[in-house]
N, C-alpha and C. Protein backbone atom coordinates (compact mmCIF):
# COMPACT_ATOMS: atom_id res chain seq x y z
N UNK A 1 34.71 6.20 -13.09
CA UNK A 1 33.96 7.29 -13.68
C UNK A 1 33.38 6.87 -15.02
N UNK A 2 34.15 6.14 -15.83
CA UNK A 2 33.67 5.71 -17.13
C UNK A 2 32.51 4.74 -17.00
N UNK A 3 32.55 3.85 -16.02
CA UNK A 3 31.43 2.93 -15.81
C UNK A 3 30.16 3.67 -15.43
N UNK A 4 30.30 4.69 -14.59
CA UNK A 4 29.14 5.49 -14.21
C UNK A 4 28.55 6.19 -15.42
N UNK A 5 29.42 6.73 -16.27
CA UNK A 5 28.97 7.39 -17.48
C UNK A 5 28.23 6.41 -18.38
N UNK A 6 28.79 5.21 -18.56
CA UNK A 6 28.13 4.20 -19.40
C UNK A 6 26.76 3.84 -18.85
N UNK A 7 26.68 3.69 -17.54
CA UNK A 7 25.38 3.33 -16.95
C UNK A 7 24.37 4.46 -17.10
N UNK A 8 24.83 5.70 -17.02
CA UNK A 8 23.92 6.83 -17.18
C UNK A 8 23.38 6.92 -18.60
N UNK A 9 24.23 6.62 -19.56
CA UNK A 9 23.85 6.81 -20.96
C UNK A 9 23.45 5.50 -21.64
N UNK A 10 23.25 4.44 -20.88
CA UNK A 10 22.85 3.17 -21.49
C UNK A 10 21.52 3.33 -22.19
N UNK A 11 21.27 2.46 -23.13
CA UNK A 11 20.08 2.63 -23.98
C UNK A 11 18.77 2.31 -23.29
N UNK A 12 18.79 1.64 -22.17
CA UNK A 12 17.55 1.29 -21.49
C UNK A 12 16.89 2.49 -20.87
N UNK A 13 15.57 2.40 -20.61
CA UNK A 13 14.86 3.52 -20.00
C UNK A 13 15.30 3.75 -18.56
N UNK A 14 15.30 5.00 -18.18
CA UNK A 14 15.67 5.34 -16.80
C UNK A 14 14.50 5.01 -15.89
N UNK A 15 14.76 4.22 -14.87
CA UNK A 15 13.69 3.85 -13.95
C UNK A 15 13.71 4.70 -12.69
N UNK A 16 14.86 5.20 -12.37
CA UNK A 16 14.99 6.00 -11.16
C UNK A 16 15.02 7.48 -11.54
N UNK A 17 14.24 8.30 -10.83
CA UNK A 17 14.23 9.74 -11.15
C UNK A 17 15.62 10.36 -11.05
N UNK A 18 16.42 9.93 -10.09
CA UNK A 18 17.77 10.48 -9.93
C UNK A 18 18.63 10.18 -11.16
N UNK A 19 18.57 8.96 -11.66
CA UNK A 19 19.35 8.60 -12.85
C UNK A 19 18.86 9.37 -14.08
N UNK A 20 17.54 9.50 -14.19
CA UNK A 20 16.98 10.24 -15.31
C UNK A 20 17.45 11.69 -15.27
N UNK A 21 17.44 12.29 -14.09
CA UNK A 21 17.89 13.68 -13.96
C UNK A 21 19.36 13.79 -14.35
N UNK A 22 20.18 12.85 -13.90
CA UNK A 22 21.61 12.88 -14.25
C UNK A 22 21.81 12.71 -15.75
N UNK A 23 21.04 11.82 -16.37
CA UNK A 23 21.18 11.59 -17.80
C UNK A 23 20.84 12.84 -18.60
N UNK A 24 19.79 13.55 -18.22
CA UNK A 24 19.41 14.75 -18.96
C UNK A 24 20.42 15.87 -18.69
N UNK A 25 21.01 15.90 -17.52
CA UNK A 25 22.05 16.89 -17.24
C UNK A 25 23.27 16.63 -18.12
N UNK A 26 23.69 15.38 -18.22
CA UNK A 26 24.83 15.03 -19.07
C UNK A 26 24.51 15.36 -20.52
N UNK A 27 23.31 15.04 -20.96
CA UNK A 27 22.92 15.31 -22.35
C UNK A 27 22.95 16.80 -22.66
N UNK A 28 22.42 17.60 -21.75
CA UNK A 28 22.41 19.06 -21.94
C UNK A 28 23.84 19.59 -22.00
N UNK A 29 24.66 19.16 -21.07
CA UNK A 29 26.06 19.61 -21.05
C UNK A 29 26.79 19.17 -22.31
N UNK A 30 26.51 17.96 -22.77
CA UNK A 30 27.18 17.45 -23.97
C UNK A 30 26.84 18.29 -25.21
N UNK A 31 25.58 18.68 -25.35
CA UNK A 31 25.20 19.52 -26.49
C UNK A 31 25.89 20.88 -26.42
N UNK A 32 25.93 21.46 -25.24
CA UNK A 32 26.61 22.76 -25.09
C UNK A 32 28.10 22.63 -25.39
N UNK A 33 28.72 21.57 -24.90
CA UNK A 33 30.15 21.35 -25.15
C UNK A 33 30.41 21.07 -26.63
N UNK A 34 29.53 20.32 -27.26
CA UNK A 34 29.69 20.04 -28.69
C UNK A 34 29.71 21.35 -29.47
N UNK A 35 28.80 22.25 -29.12
CA UNK A 35 28.77 23.53 -29.82
C UNK A 35 30.05 24.31 -29.55
N UNK A 36 30.53 24.29 -28.33
CA UNK A 36 31.74 25.04 -27.99
C UNK A 36 32.97 24.50 -28.74
N UNK A 37 32.98 23.22 -29.04
CA UNK A 37 34.12 22.60 -29.73
C UNK A 37 33.98 22.60 -31.25
N UNK A 38 32.85 23.03 -31.77
CA UNK A 38 32.60 22.95 -33.20
C UNK A 38 33.61 23.72 -34.03
N UNK A 39 34.00 24.89 -33.57
CA UNK A 39 34.97 25.69 -34.33
C UNK A 39 36.41 25.29 -34.01
N UNK A 40 36.58 24.19 -33.28
CA UNK A 40 37.88 23.64 -32.91
C UNK A 40 38.72 24.59 -32.06
N UNK A 41 38.07 25.55 -31.44
CA UNK A 41 38.74 26.48 -30.53
C UNK A 41 37.88 26.60 -29.27
N UNK A 42 38.21 25.82 -28.26
CA UNK A 42 37.46 25.88 -27.01
C UNK A 42 38.09 26.96 -26.14
N UNK A 43 37.36 28.05 -25.96
CA UNK A 43 37.85 29.18 -25.18
C UNK A 43 37.47 29.02 -23.71
N UNK A 44 38.31 29.52 -22.83
CA UNK A 44 38.00 29.48 -21.40
C UNK A 44 36.65 30.13 -21.11
N UNK A 45 36.36 31.21 -21.84
CA UNK A 45 35.11 31.93 -21.66
C UNK A 45 33.91 31.01 -21.95
N UNK A 46 34.05 30.16 -22.97
CA UNK A 46 32.98 29.22 -23.29
C UNK A 46 32.79 28.21 -22.17
N UNK A 47 33.90 27.73 -21.62
CA UNK A 47 33.82 26.79 -20.50
C UNK A 47 33.15 27.40 -19.29
N UNK A 48 33.50 28.63 -18.98
CA UNK A 48 32.87 29.32 -17.84
C UNK A 48 31.39 29.57 -18.10
N UNK A 49 31.05 29.93 -19.32
CA UNK A 49 29.66 30.16 -19.67
C UNK A 49 28.85 28.87 -19.53
N UNK A 50 29.38 27.77 -20.03
CA UNK A 50 28.69 26.49 -19.93
C UNK A 50 28.52 26.09 -18.47
N UNK A 51 29.56 26.25 -17.68
CA UNK A 51 29.45 25.93 -16.26
C UNK A 51 28.36 26.77 -15.59
N UNK A 52 28.35 28.07 -15.90
CA UNK A 52 27.33 28.96 -15.33
C UNK A 52 25.92 28.56 -15.77
N UNK A 53 25.77 28.21 -17.05
CA UNK A 53 24.46 27.79 -17.56
C UNK A 53 23.99 26.52 -16.85
N UNK A 54 24.89 25.57 -16.66
CA UNK A 54 24.54 24.32 -15.99
C UNK A 54 24.21 24.55 -14.52
N UNK A 55 24.98 25.40 -13.87
CA UNK A 55 24.70 25.73 -12.47
C UNK A 55 23.31 26.33 -12.33
N UNK A 56 23.00 27.26 -13.20
CA UNK A 56 21.71 27.94 -13.14
C UNK A 56 20.56 27.00 -13.48
N UNK A 57 20.69 26.28 -14.59
CA UNK A 57 19.61 25.40 -15.06
C UNK A 57 19.30 24.29 -14.07
N UNK A 58 20.34 23.68 -13.52
CA UNK A 58 20.15 22.50 -12.67
C UNK A 58 20.38 22.77 -11.19
N UNK A 59 20.58 24.05 -10.85
CA UNK A 59 20.80 24.46 -9.45
C UNK A 59 21.91 23.64 -8.80
N UNK A 60 23.09 23.68 -9.43
CA UNK A 60 24.24 22.92 -8.98
C UNK A 60 25.31 23.83 -8.39
N UNK A 61 26.05 23.34 -7.40
CA UNK A 61 27.23 24.08 -6.96
C UNK A 61 28.31 24.01 -8.05
N UNK A 62 29.27 24.90 -7.99
CA UNK A 62 30.31 24.98 -9.02
C UNK A 62 31.05 23.66 -9.21
N UNK A 63 31.37 22.96 -8.11
CA UNK A 63 32.11 21.70 -8.23
C UNK A 63 31.29 20.65 -8.97
N UNK A 64 30.01 20.59 -8.69
CA UNK A 64 29.15 19.61 -9.36
C UNK A 64 29.00 19.94 -10.84
N UNK A 65 28.91 21.21 -11.17
CA UNK A 65 28.81 21.62 -12.57
C UNK A 65 30.09 21.26 -13.32
N UNK A 66 31.24 21.44 -12.67
CA UNK A 66 32.52 21.09 -13.29
C UNK A 66 32.61 19.57 -13.51
N UNK A 67 32.16 18.80 -12.54
CA UNK A 67 32.16 17.35 -12.66
C UNK A 67 31.21 16.92 -13.78
N UNK A 68 30.05 17.54 -13.85
CA UNK A 68 29.10 17.25 -14.91
C UNK A 68 29.73 17.52 -16.27
N UNK A 69 30.45 18.61 -16.39
CA UNK A 69 31.11 18.93 -17.65
C UNK A 69 32.13 17.87 -18.02
N UNK A 70 32.84 17.32 -17.03
CA UNK A 70 33.81 16.26 -17.31
C UNK A 70 33.11 15.01 -17.83
N UNK A 71 32.02 14.61 -17.17
CA UNK A 71 31.25 13.45 -17.64
C UNK A 71 30.75 13.69 -19.05
N UNK A 72 30.20 14.85 -19.28
CA UNK A 72 29.63 15.17 -20.58
C UNK A 72 30.70 15.21 -21.66
N UNK A 73 31.87 15.70 -21.32
CA UNK A 73 32.98 15.72 -22.28
C UNK A 73 33.35 14.30 -22.70
N UNK A 74 33.43 13.40 -21.73
CA UNK A 74 33.71 12.00 -22.05
C UNK A 74 32.60 11.40 -22.90
N UNK A 75 31.37 11.73 -22.58
CA UNK A 75 30.23 11.20 -23.33
C UNK A 75 30.27 11.68 -24.77
N UNK A 76 30.52 12.96 -24.98
CA UNK A 76 30.53 13.47 -26.36
C UNK A 76 31.71 12.94 -27.15
N UNK A 77 32.82 12.65 -26.48
CA UNK A 77 33.97 12.09 -27.17
C UNK A 77 33.76 10.62 -27.53
N UNK A 78 32.87 9.94 -26.81
CA UNK A 78 32.69 8.51 -27.04
C UNK A 78 31.50 8.19 -27.94
N UNK A 79 30.84 9.19 -28.49
CA UNK A 79 29.71 8.95 -29.38
C UNK A 79 29.94 9.61 -30.73
N UNK A 80 29.28 9.07 -31.73
CA UNK A 80 29.44 9.63 -33.08
C UNK A 80 28.32 10.56 -33.48
N UNK A 81 27.23 10.57 -32.70
CA UNK A 81 26.13 11.45 -33.06
C UNK A 81 25.51 12.09 -31.83
N UNK A 82 24.65 13.04 -32.07
CA UNK A 82 24.02 13.80 -31.00
C UNK A 82 22.59 13.33 -30.71
N UNK A 83 22.12 12.36 -31.49
CA UNK A 83 20.74 11.92 -31.37
C UNK A 83 20.41 11.44 -29.96
N UNK A 84 21.28 10.64 -29.36
CA UNK A 84 21.01 10.11 -28.01
C UNK A 84 20.86 11.22 -26.98
N UNK A 85 21.70 12.23 -27.10
CA UNK A 85 21.61 13.36 -26.17
C UNK A 85 20.29 14.11 -26.36
N UNK A 86 19.95 14.36 -27.62
CA UNK A 86 18.70 15.06 -27.90
C UNK A 86 17.50 14.23 -27.46
N UNK A 87 17.58 12.92 -27.61
CA UNK A 87 16.50 12.03 -27.19
C UNK A 87 16.26 12.14 -25.68
N UNK A 88 17.34 12.21 -24.90
CA UNK A 88 17.21 12.38 -23.45
C UNK A 88 16.48 13.68 -23.12
N UNK A 89 16.88 14.74 -23.79
CA UNK A 89 16.28 16.06 -23.55
C UNK A 89 14.81 16.06 -23.99
N UNK A 90 14.54 15.51 -25.17
CA UNK A 90 13.16 15.48 -25.67
C UNK A 90 12.26 14.67 -24.75
N UNK A 91 12.80 13.63 -24.13
CA UNK A 91 11.99 12.79 -23.26
C UNK A 91 11.75 13.37 -21.88
N UNK A 92 12.53 14.36 -21.50
CA UNK A 92 12.45 14.88 -20.14
C UNK A 92 12.06 16.35 -20.04
N UNK A 93 12.34 17.13 -21.05
CA UNK A 93 12.15 18.57 -20.97
C UNK A 93 10.85 19.01 -21.62
N UNK A 94 10.28 20.06 -21.05
CA UNK A 94 9.15 20.72 -21.68
C UNK A 94 9.67 21.54 -22.86
N UNK A 95 8.77 22.04 -23.66
CA UNK A 95 9.15 22.89 -24.79
C UNK A 95 9.93 24.12 -24.30
N UNK A 96 9.46 24.72 -23.21
CA UNK A 96 10.13 25.90 -22.66
C UNK A 96 11.54 25.56 -22.20
N UNK A 97 11.72 24.38 -21.61
CA UNK A 97 13.06 23.98 -21.18
C UNK A 97 13.97 23.73 -22.39
N UNK A 98 13.41 23.23 -23.46
CA UNK A 98 14.21 23.06 -24.68
C UNK A 98 14.58 24.42 -25.27
N UNK A 99 13.69 25.40 -25.12
CA UNK A 99 14.03 26.76 -25.53
C UNK A 99 15.23 27.27 -24.73
N UNK A 100 15.25 26.96 -23.43
CA UNK A 100 16.38 27.36 -22.57
C UNK A 100 17.67 26.71 -23.04
N UNK A 101 17.61 25.45 -23.43
CA UNK A 101 18.80 24.77 -23.96
C UNK A 101 19.26 25.46 -25.23
N UNK A 102 18.33 25.75 -26.12
CA UNK A 102 18.70 26.43 -27.37
C UNK A 102 19.25 27.82 -27.09
N UNK A 103 18.70 28.50 -26.11
CA UNK A 103 19.25 29.80 -25.72
C UNK A 103 20.69 29.64 -25.25
N UNK A 104 20.96 28.63 -24.46
CA UNK A 104 22.33 28.36 -24.02
C UNK A 104 23.26 28.07 -25.19
N UNK A 105 22.75 27.31 -26.15
CA UNK A 105 23.55 27.01 -27.34
C UNK A 105 23.93 28.29 -28.08
N UNK A 106 22.96 29.21 -28.25
CA UNK A 106 23.25 30.48 -28.92
C UNK A 106 24.24 31.31 -28.10
N UNK A 107 24.13 31.26 -26.79
CA UNK A 107 25.07 32.02 -25.95
C UNK A 107 26.50 31.47 -26.11
N UNK A 108 26.62 30.16 -26.21
CA UNK A 108 27.94 29.55 -26.43
C UNK A 108 28.47 29.97 -27.79
N UNK A 109 27.62 29.95 -28.80
CA UNK A 109 28.05 30.36 -30.15
C UNK A 109 28.62 31.77 -30.13
N UNK A 110 27.91 32.68 -29.48
CA UNK A 110 28.31 34.09 -29.51
C UNK A 110 29.28 34.47 -28.38
N UNK A 111 29.73 33.50 -27.61
CA UNK A 111 30.71 33.80 -26.55
C UNK A 111 31.99 34.38 -27.13
N UNK A 112 32.37 33.91 -28.33
CA UNK A 112 33.57 34.45 -28.97
C UNK A 112 33.24 35.55 -29.97
N UNK A 113 31.97 35.91 -30.08
CA UNK A 113 31.55 37.02 -30.92
C UNK A 113 31.34 36.69 -32.38
N UNK A 114 31.51 35.41 -32.77
CA UNK A 114 31.45 35.06 -34.18
C UNK A 114 30.59 33.81 -34.38
N UNK A 115 29.74 33.83 -35.38
CA UNK A 115 29.00 32.65 -35.82
C UNK A 115 29.66 32.16 -37.09
N UNK A 116 30.40 31.04 -37.00
CA UNK A 116 31.04 30.54 -38.22
C UNK A 116 30.13 29.52 -38.90
N UNK A 117 30.52 29.09 -40.09
CA UNK A 117 29.65 28.22 -40.89
C UNK A 117 29.42 26.87 -40.23
N UNK A 118 30.37 26.36 -39.46
CA UNK A 118 30.20 25.07 -38.80
C UNK A 118 29.22 25.19 -37.63
N UNK A 119 29.31 26.28 -36.90
CA UNK A 119 28.36 26.53 -35.82
C UNK A 119 26.95 26.73 -36.38
N UNK A 120 26.85 27.44 -37.50
CA UNK A 120 25.56 27.66 -38.12
C UNK A 120 24.92 26.33 -38.53
N UNK A 121 25.71 25.46 -39.12
CA UNK A 121 25.21 24.14 -39.51
C UNK A 121 24.76 23.35 -38.28
N UNK A 122 25.60 23.32 -37.25
CA UNK A 122 25.31 22.51 -36.08
C UNK A 122 24.11 23.03 -35.30
N UNK A 123 23.95 24.33 -35.18
CA UNK A 123 22.80 24.86 -34.45
C UNK A 123 21.50 24.49 -35.15
N UNK A 124 21.51 24.47 -36.47
CA UNK A 124 20.32 24.05 -37.22
C UNK A 124 20.03 22.57 -36.98
N UNK A 125 21.09 21.78 -36.98
CA UNK A 125 20.93 20.34 -36.72
C UNK A 125 20.39 20.10 -35.31
N UNK A 126 20.94 20.83 -34.34
CA UNK A 126 20.48 20.68 -32.96
C UNK A 126 19.02 21.09 -32.81
N UNK A 127 18.62 22.16 -33.48
CA UNK A 127 17.22 22.59 -33.41
C UNK A 127 16.31 21.48 -33.94
N UNK A 128 16.69 20.86 -35.03
CA UNK A 128 15.91 19.76 -35.58
C UNK A 128 15.87 18.59 -34.60
N UNK A 129 17.00 18.23 -34.03
CA UNK A 129 17.05 17.12 -33.08
C UNK A 129 16.20 17.41 -31.84
N UNK A 130 16.13 18.68 -31.44
CA UNK A 130 15.33 19.05 -30.27
C UNK A 130 13.86 19.33 -30.64
N UNK A 131 13.54 19.08 -31.90
CA UNK A 131 12.17 19.25 -32.40
C UNK A 131 11.67 20.70 -32.27
N UNK A 132 12.57 21.62 -32.57
CA UNK A 132 12.22 23.04 -32.58
C UNK A 132 12.15 23.48 -34.03
N UNK A 133 11.22 24.36 -34.32
CA UNK A 133 11.09 24.85 -35.69
C UNK A 133 12.21 25.85 -35.99
N UNK A 134 12.39 26.09 -37.29
CA UNK A 134 13.38 27.09 -37.71
C UNK A 134 13.02 28.45 -37.12
N UNK A 135 11.76 28.76 -37.13
CA UNK A 135 11.28 30.05 -36.59
C UNK A 135 11.61 30.17 -35.10
N UNK A 136 11.37 29.10 -34.34
CA UNK A 136 11.67 29.12 -32.90
C UNK A 136 13.17 29.31 -32.67
N UNK A 137 13.98 28.61 -33.48
CA UNK A 137 15.43 28.74 -33.36
C UNK A 137 15.87 30.17 -33.62
N UNK A 138 15.33 30.78 -34.66
CA UNK A 138 15.70 32.15 -35.01
C UNK A 138 15.20 33.14 -33.95
N UNK A 139 13.99 32.94 -33.46
CA UNK A 139 13.47 33.82 -32.40
C UNK A 139 14.37 33.79 -31.17
N UNK A 140 14.87 32.62 -30.82
CA UNK A 140 15.76 32.49 -29.67
C UNK A 140 17.10 33.17 -29.97
N UNK A 141 17.58 33.02 -31.19
CA UNK A 141 18.83 33.68 -31.59
C UNK A 141 18.69 35.20 -31.46
N UNK A 142 17.59 35.74 -31.96
CA UNK A 142 17.36 37.18 -31.89
C UNK A 142 17.29 37.65 -30.44
N UNK A 143 16.62 36.86 -29.59
CA UNK A 143 16.53 37.21 -28.17
C UNK A 143 17.92 37.31 -27.55
N UNK A 144 18.77 36.32 -27.83
CA UNK A 144 20.13 36.32 -27.29
C UNK A 144 20.92 37.50 -27.84
N UNK A 145 20.84 37.73 -29.14
CA UNK A 145 21.57 38.86 -29.73
C UNK A 145 21.10 40.19 -29.17
N UNK A 146 19.80 40.33 -28.94
CA UNK A 146 19.28 41.57 -28.35
C UNK A 146 19.84 41.80 -26.95
N UNK A 147 20.09 40.72 -26.22
CA UNK A 147 20.64 40.84 -24.87
C UNK A 147 22.12 41.13 -24.87
N UNK A 148 22.86 40.47 -25.75
CA UNK A 148 24.32 40.63 -25.70
C UNK A 148 24.82 41.77 -26.60
N UNK A 149 24.03 42.14 -27.61
CA UNK A 149 24.38 43.25 -28.51
C UNK A 149 23.15 44.12 -28.75
N UNK A 150 22.73 44.86 -27.74
CA UNK A 150 21.48 45.61 -27.86
C UNK A 150 21.50 46.68 -28.96
N UNK A 151 22.65 47.18 -29.33
CA UNK A 151 22.72 48.26 -30.33
C UNK A 151 23.38 47.79 -31.61
N UNK A 152 23.07 46.59 -32.02
CA UNK A 152 23.73 46.04 -33.22
C UNK A 152 23.20 46.65 -34.48
């Protein structure tokens, strides 16, 4: 499993569409997992939310989404920065798809109902890495809050 992960995330360009798709899936899952672990309290609800987001985004069965999360967890634990993950997403996703990733990140943040200072810092960093403006990040945050807390 570790060798497969290394080959997926190697620095060379993806030549096969299947490998490229897997790399962007791992990158997306890794960013979502990084956000879930930022407050050092990974809740089951966050794990279920991430799995559901990955299933929906990539049209995966539950087992494949769980396996993807395992790969992504290993990937995020073996790297010191998020740049490589963001680079995969920037190279493969449209602007609208990056908005979807940012929406997922906000949903993970608010899964426990609280935005702490570490999550606030990291979401700003992720928006920059994904080449989204501050305004776009905030618009997506408001959209998510309007959905999960309509009468706030």
